[in-house]
């Protein structure tokens, strides 16, 4: 259970610290709800036939879903008082499709004053599906 009243301070972390990973089952219901929530109604995100035309094996998660999970990863680790300055250089390297369980993880790359740089990635088993970095202020 997440303690949302707890917030990290910069003096509590060090370079190399690993964030607790989160795992999310990719279900068709989750994809449909997420696509509707951000008005990304491209068929490939909720229709298997459309997804097959772009090389995916099934409907797959969109950019907004991945960015949201990266934000969740950061907030569960650092708390709600943390400010996200940037999530950038996101690269999708493989699809996150229906029935996958995607795990999001990260580590502290650099600390400058109160600004922390983190490297993050998502994986399905041994396969990396995306990567990004984040700048946050504690």
C-alpha atoms as a PDB file:
ATOM      1  CA  UNK A   1       0.000   0.000   0.000  1.00  0.00           C
ATOM      2  CA  UNK A   2       1.304   3.424  -0.986  1.00  0.00           C
ATOM      3  CA  UNK A   3       1.651   5.999   1.781  1.00  0.00           C
ATOM      4  CA  UNK A   4       0.622   9.128  -0.119  1.00  0.00           C
ATOM      5  CA  UNK A   5       1.508  11.315   2.865  1.00  0.00           C
ATOM      6  CA  UNK A   6       5.164  10.320   2.563  1.00  0.00           C
ATOM      7  CA  UNK A   7       7.443  12.385   0.316  1.00  0.00           C
ATOM      8  CA  UNK A   8      11.125  11.869  -0.448  1.00  0.00           C
ATOM      9  CA  UNK A   9      13.724  14.501   0.271  1.00  0.00           C
ATOM     10  CA  UNK A  10      16.829  14.801  -1.875  1.00  0.00           C
ATOM     11  CA  UNK A  11      19.058  13.860   1.091  1.00  0.00           C
ATOM     12  CA  UNK A  12      17.286  10.464   1.293  1.00  0.00           C
ATOM     13  CA  UNK A  13      18.416   9.252  -2.133  1.00  0.00           C
ATOM     14  CA  UNK A  14      21.678   8.547  -3.966  1.00  0.00           C
ATOM     15  CA  UNK A  15      22.827   7.868  -7.508  1.00  0.00           C
ATOM     16  CA  UNK A  16      22.082   4.259  -8.405  1.00  0.00           C
ATOM     17  CA  UNK A  17      18.983   3.939  -6.220  1.00  0.00           C
ATOM     18  CA  UNK A  18      16.394   1.700  -7.868  1.00  0.00           C
ATOM     19  CA  UNK A  19      12.709   2.606  -7.816  1.00  0.00           C
ATOM     20  CA  UNK A  20      10.248  -0.105  -6.760  1.00  0.00           C
ATOM     21  CA  UNK A  21       8.900  -1.559 -10.011  1.00  0.00           C
ATOM     22  CA  UNK A  22       5.206  -1.604 -10.847  1.00  0.00           C
ATOM     23  CA  UNK A  23       3.548  -4.219 -13.061  1.00  0.00           C
ATOM     24  CA  UNK A  24       0.387  -3.568 -15.049  1.00  0.00           C
ATOM     25  CA  UNK A  25      -1.654  -6.220 -16.894  1.00  0.00           C
ATOM     26  CA  UNK A  26      -2.557  -4.981 -20.375  1.00  0.00           C
ATOM     27  CA  UNK A  27      -6.223  -5.797 -20.915  1.00  0.00           C
ATOM     28  CA  UNK A  28      -8.515  -4.764 -23.736  1.00  0.00           C
ATOM     29  CA  UNK A  29     -10.761  -3.038 -21.201  1.00  0.00           C
ATOM     30  CA  UNK A  30      -7.816  -1.001 -19.873  1.00  0.00           C
ATOM     31  CA  UNK A  31      -6.806   0.009 -23.420  1.00  0.00           C
ATOM     32  CA  UNK A  32     -10.349   1.041 -24.371  1.00  0.00           C
ATOM     33  CA  UNK A  33     -10.809   3.076 -21.179  1.00  0.00           C
ATOM     34  CA  UNK A  34      -7.425   4.769 -21.571  1.00  0.00           C
ATOM     35  CA  UNK A  35      -7.977   5.551 -25.263  1.00  0.00           C
ATOM     36  CA  UNK A  36     -11.382   7.085 -24.474  1.00  0.00           C
ATOM     37  CA  UNK A  37      -9.946   9.048 -21.556  1.00  0.00           C
ATOM     38  CA  UNK A  38      -7.415  10.857 -23.734  1.00  0.00           C
ATOM     39  CA  UNK A  39      -9.429  10.845 -26.976  1.00  0.00           C
ATOM     40  CA  UNK A  40      -6.910   8.663 -28.808  1.00  0.00           C
ATOM     41  CA  UNK A  41      -9.479   6.590 -30.650  1.00  0.00           C
ATOM     42  CA  UNK A  42      -7.081   5.194 -33.242  1.00  0.00           C
ATOM     43  CA  UNK A  43      -8.359   1.698 -33.930  1.00  0.00           C
ATOM     44  CA  UNK A  44      -4.973   0.017 -33.433  1.00  0.00           C
ATOM     45  CA  UNK A  45      -5.251   0.733 -29.691  1.00  0.00           C
ATOM     46  CA  UNK A  46      -8.462  -1.268 -29.253  1.00  0.00           C
ATOM     47  CA  UNK A  47      -9.040  -3.378 -32.368  1.00  0.00           C
ATOM     48  CA  UNK A  48      -6.906  -6.430 -33.099  1.00  0.00           C
ATOM     49  CA  UNK A  49      -7.514  -6.323 -36.868  1.00  0.00           C
ATOM     50  CA  UNK A  50      -6.305  -2.741 -37.059  1.00  0.00           C
ATOM     51  CA  UNK A  51      -3.300  -3.527 -34.870  1.00  0.00           C
ATOM     52  CA  UNK A  52      -2.309  -6.400 -37.167  1.00  0.00           C
ATOM     53  CA  UNK A  53      -1.995  -3.946 -40.069  1.00  0.00           C
ATOM     54  CA  UNK A  54       0.838  -2.114 -38.290  1.00  0.00           C
ATOM     55  CA  UNK A  55       2.696  -5.262 -37.251  1.00  0.00           C
ATOM     56  CA  UNK A  56       1.370  -5.767 -33.721  1.00  0.00           C
ATOM     57  CA  UNK A  57      -0.036  -9.116 -32.594  1.00  0.00           C
ATOM     58  CA  UNK A  58      -3.032  -7.456 -30.884  1.00  0.00           C
ATOM     59  CA  UNK A  59      -4.349  -4.079 -29.742  1.00  0.00           C
ATOM     60  CA  UNK A  60      -1.576  -2.187 -27.974  1.00  0.00           C
ATOM     61  CA  UNK A  61      -0.964   0.565 -25.429  1.00  0.00           C
ATOM     62  CA  UNK A  62      -0.477   4.081 -26.730  1.00  0.00           C
ATOM     63  CA  UNK A  63       2.030   6.769 -25.768  1.00  0.00           C
ATOM     64  CA  UNK A  64      -0.289   8.366 -23.205  1.00  0.00           C
ATOM     65  CA  UNK A  65      -0.687   5.072 -21.366  1.00  0.00           C
ATOM     66  CA  UNK A  66       3.084   4.587 -21.110  1.00  0.00           C
ATOM     67  CA  UNK A  67       3.666   8.199 -20.034  1.00  0.00           C
ATOM     68  CA  UNK A  68       0.970   7.822 -17.381  1.00  0.00           C
ATOM     69  CA  UNK A  69       2.609   4.685 -16.013  1.00  0.00           C
ATOM     70  CA  UNK A  70       5.978   6.442 -15.903  1.00  0.00           C
ATOM     71  CA  UNK A  71       4.352   9.247 -13.908  1.00  0.00           C
ATOM     72  CA  UNK A  72       2.768   6.698 -11.569  1.00  0.00           C
ATOM     73  CA  UNK A  73       6.166   5.051 -11.067  1.00  0.00           C
ATOM     74  CA  UNK A  74       7.699   8.404 -10.110  1.00  0.00           C
ATOM     75  CA  UNK A  75       4.856   9.438  -7.794  1.00  0.00           C
ATOM     76  CA  UNK A  76       4.700   6.118  -5.968  1.00  0.00           C
ATOM     77  CA  UNK A  77       8.432   6.439  -5.295  1.00  0.00           C
ATOM     78  CA  UNK A  78       8.838  10.150  -4.533  1.00  0.00           C
ATOM     79  CA  UNK A  79       5.387  11.205  -3.349  1.00  0.00           C
ATOM     80  CA  UNK A  80       2.865  13.794  -4.477  1.00  0.00           C
ATOM     81  CA  UNK A  81       4.906  16.852  -3.496  1.00  0.00           C
ATOM     82  CA  UNK A  82       7.520  15.963  -6.100  1.00  0.00           C
ATOM     83  CA  UNK A  83       7.299  18.027  -9.289  1.00  0.00           C
ATOM     84  CA  UNK A  84       7.890  16.454 -12.667  1.00  0.00           C
ATOM     85  CA  UNK A  85       9.921  18.858 -14.737  1.00  0.00           C
ATOM     86  CA  UNK A  86      10.151  16.591 -17.756  1.00  0.00           C
ATOM     87  CA  UNK A  87       9.613  13.062 -18.998  1.00  0.00           C
ATOM     88  CA  UNK A  88      11.540  12.901 -22.232  1.00  0.00           C
ATOM     89  CA  UNK A  89      13.278  10.947 -24.925  1.00  0.00           C
ATOM     90  CA  UNK A  90      10.632   8.250 -24.720  1.00  0.00           C
ATOM     91  CA  UNK A  91      11.349   5.473 -27.181  1.00  0.00           C
ATOM     92  CA  UNK A  92       8.929   2.677 -27.897  1.00  0.00           C
ATOM     93  CA  UNK A  93      10.951  -0.368 -28.830  1.00  0.00           C
ATOM     94  CA  UNK A  94       8.216  -3.032 -28.824  1.00  0.00           C
ATOM     95  CA  UNK A  95       4.434  -3.217 -28.509  1.00  0.00           C
ATOM     96  CA  UNK A  96       2.645  -3.629 -25.151  1.00  0.00           C
ATOM     97  CA  UNK A  97      -0.278  -5.775 -26.301  1.00  0.00           C
ATOM     98  CA  UNK A  98      -3.374  -7.335 -24.755  1.00  0.00           C
ATOM     99  CA  UNK A  99      -2.442 -10.094 -22.278  1.00  0.00           C
ATOM    100  CA  UNK A 100       1.067  -8.700 -21.663  1.00  0.00           C
ATOM    101  CA  UNK A 101       2.062  -7.783 -18.126  1.00  0.00           C
ATOM    102  CA  UNK A 102       4.221  -4.687 -18.471  1.00  0.00           C
ATOM    103  CA  UNK A 103       6.686  -3.817 -15.714  1.00  0.00           C
ATOM    104  CA  UNK A 104       7.862  -0.232 -15.253  1.00  0.00           C
ATOM    105  CA  UNK A 105      11.142   0.447 -13.439  1.00  0.00           C
ATOM    106  CA  UNK A 106      13.715   3.154 -12.990  1.00  0.00           C
ATOM    107  CA  UNK A 107      16.921   4.244 -11.314  1.00  0.00           C
ATOM    108  CA  UNK A 108      18.549   7.485 -10.200  1.00  0.00           C
ATOM    109  CA  UNK A 109      21.147   8.637 -12.732  1.00  0.00           C
ATOM    110  CA  UNK A 110      22.120  12.046 -11.335  1.00  0.00           C
ATOM    111  CA  UNK A 111      21.330  14.456  -8.502  1.00  0.00           C
ATOM    112  CA  UNK A 112      21.929  18.216  -8.845  1.00  0.00           C
ATOM    113  CA  UNK A 113      20.687  20.241  -5.893  1.00  0.00           C
ATOM    114  CA  UNK A 114      17.011  19.273  -5.678  1.00  0.00           C
ATOM    115  CA  UNK A 115      16.716  18.086  -9.300  1.00  0.00           C
ATOM    116  CA  UNK A 116      16.962  14.338  -9.852  1.00  0.00           C
ATOM    117  CA  UNK A 117      17.506  12.673 -13.240  1.00  0.00           C
ATOM    118  CA  UNK A 118      16.144   9.151 -13.585  1.00  0.00           C
ATOM    119  CA  UNK A 119      16.381   6.491 -16.280  1.00  0.00           C
ATOM    120  CA  UNK A 120      13.197   4.474 -16.765  1.00  0.00           C
ATOM    121  CA  UNK A 121      12.058   1.553 -18.857  1.00  0.00           C
ATOM    122  CA  UNK A 122       9.161  -0.794 -19.403  1.00  0.00           C
ATOM    123  CA  UNK A 123       9.536  -4.506 -20.044  1.00  0.00           C
ATOM    124  CA  UNK A 124       7.437  -7.512 -20.838  1.00  0.00           C
ATOM    125  CA  UNK A 125       9.472 -10.413 -19.502  1.00  0.00           C
ATOM    126  CA  UNK A 126      12.974 -10.071 -20.956  1.00  0.00           C
ATOM    127  CA  UNK A 127      11.810  -7.744 -23.754  1.00  0.00           C
ATOM    128  CA  UNK A 128      12.212  -3.984 -23.331  1.00  0.00           C
ATOM    129  CA  UNK A 129       9.139  -2.179 -24.662  1.00  0.00           C
ATOM    130  CA  UNK A 130      10.035   1.460 -23.970  1.00  0.00           C
ATOM    131  CA  UNK A 131      12.556   3.724 -22.304  1.00  0.00           C
ATOM    132  CA  UNK A 132      12.582   7.321 -21.128  1.00  0.00           C
ATOM    133  CA  UNK A 133      14.243   9.674 -18.694  1.00  0.00           C
ATOM    134  CA  UNK A 134      12.705  12.009 -16.153  1.00  0.00           C
ATOM    135  CA  UNK A 135      13.743  15.191 -14.411  1.00  0.00           C
ATOM    136  CA  UNK A 136      11.991  15.731 -11.105  1.00  0.00           C
ATOM    137  CA  UNK A 137      12.337  18.278  -8.342  1.00  0.00           C
ATOM    138  CA  UNK A 138      12.100  17.076  -4.763  1.00  0.00           C
END
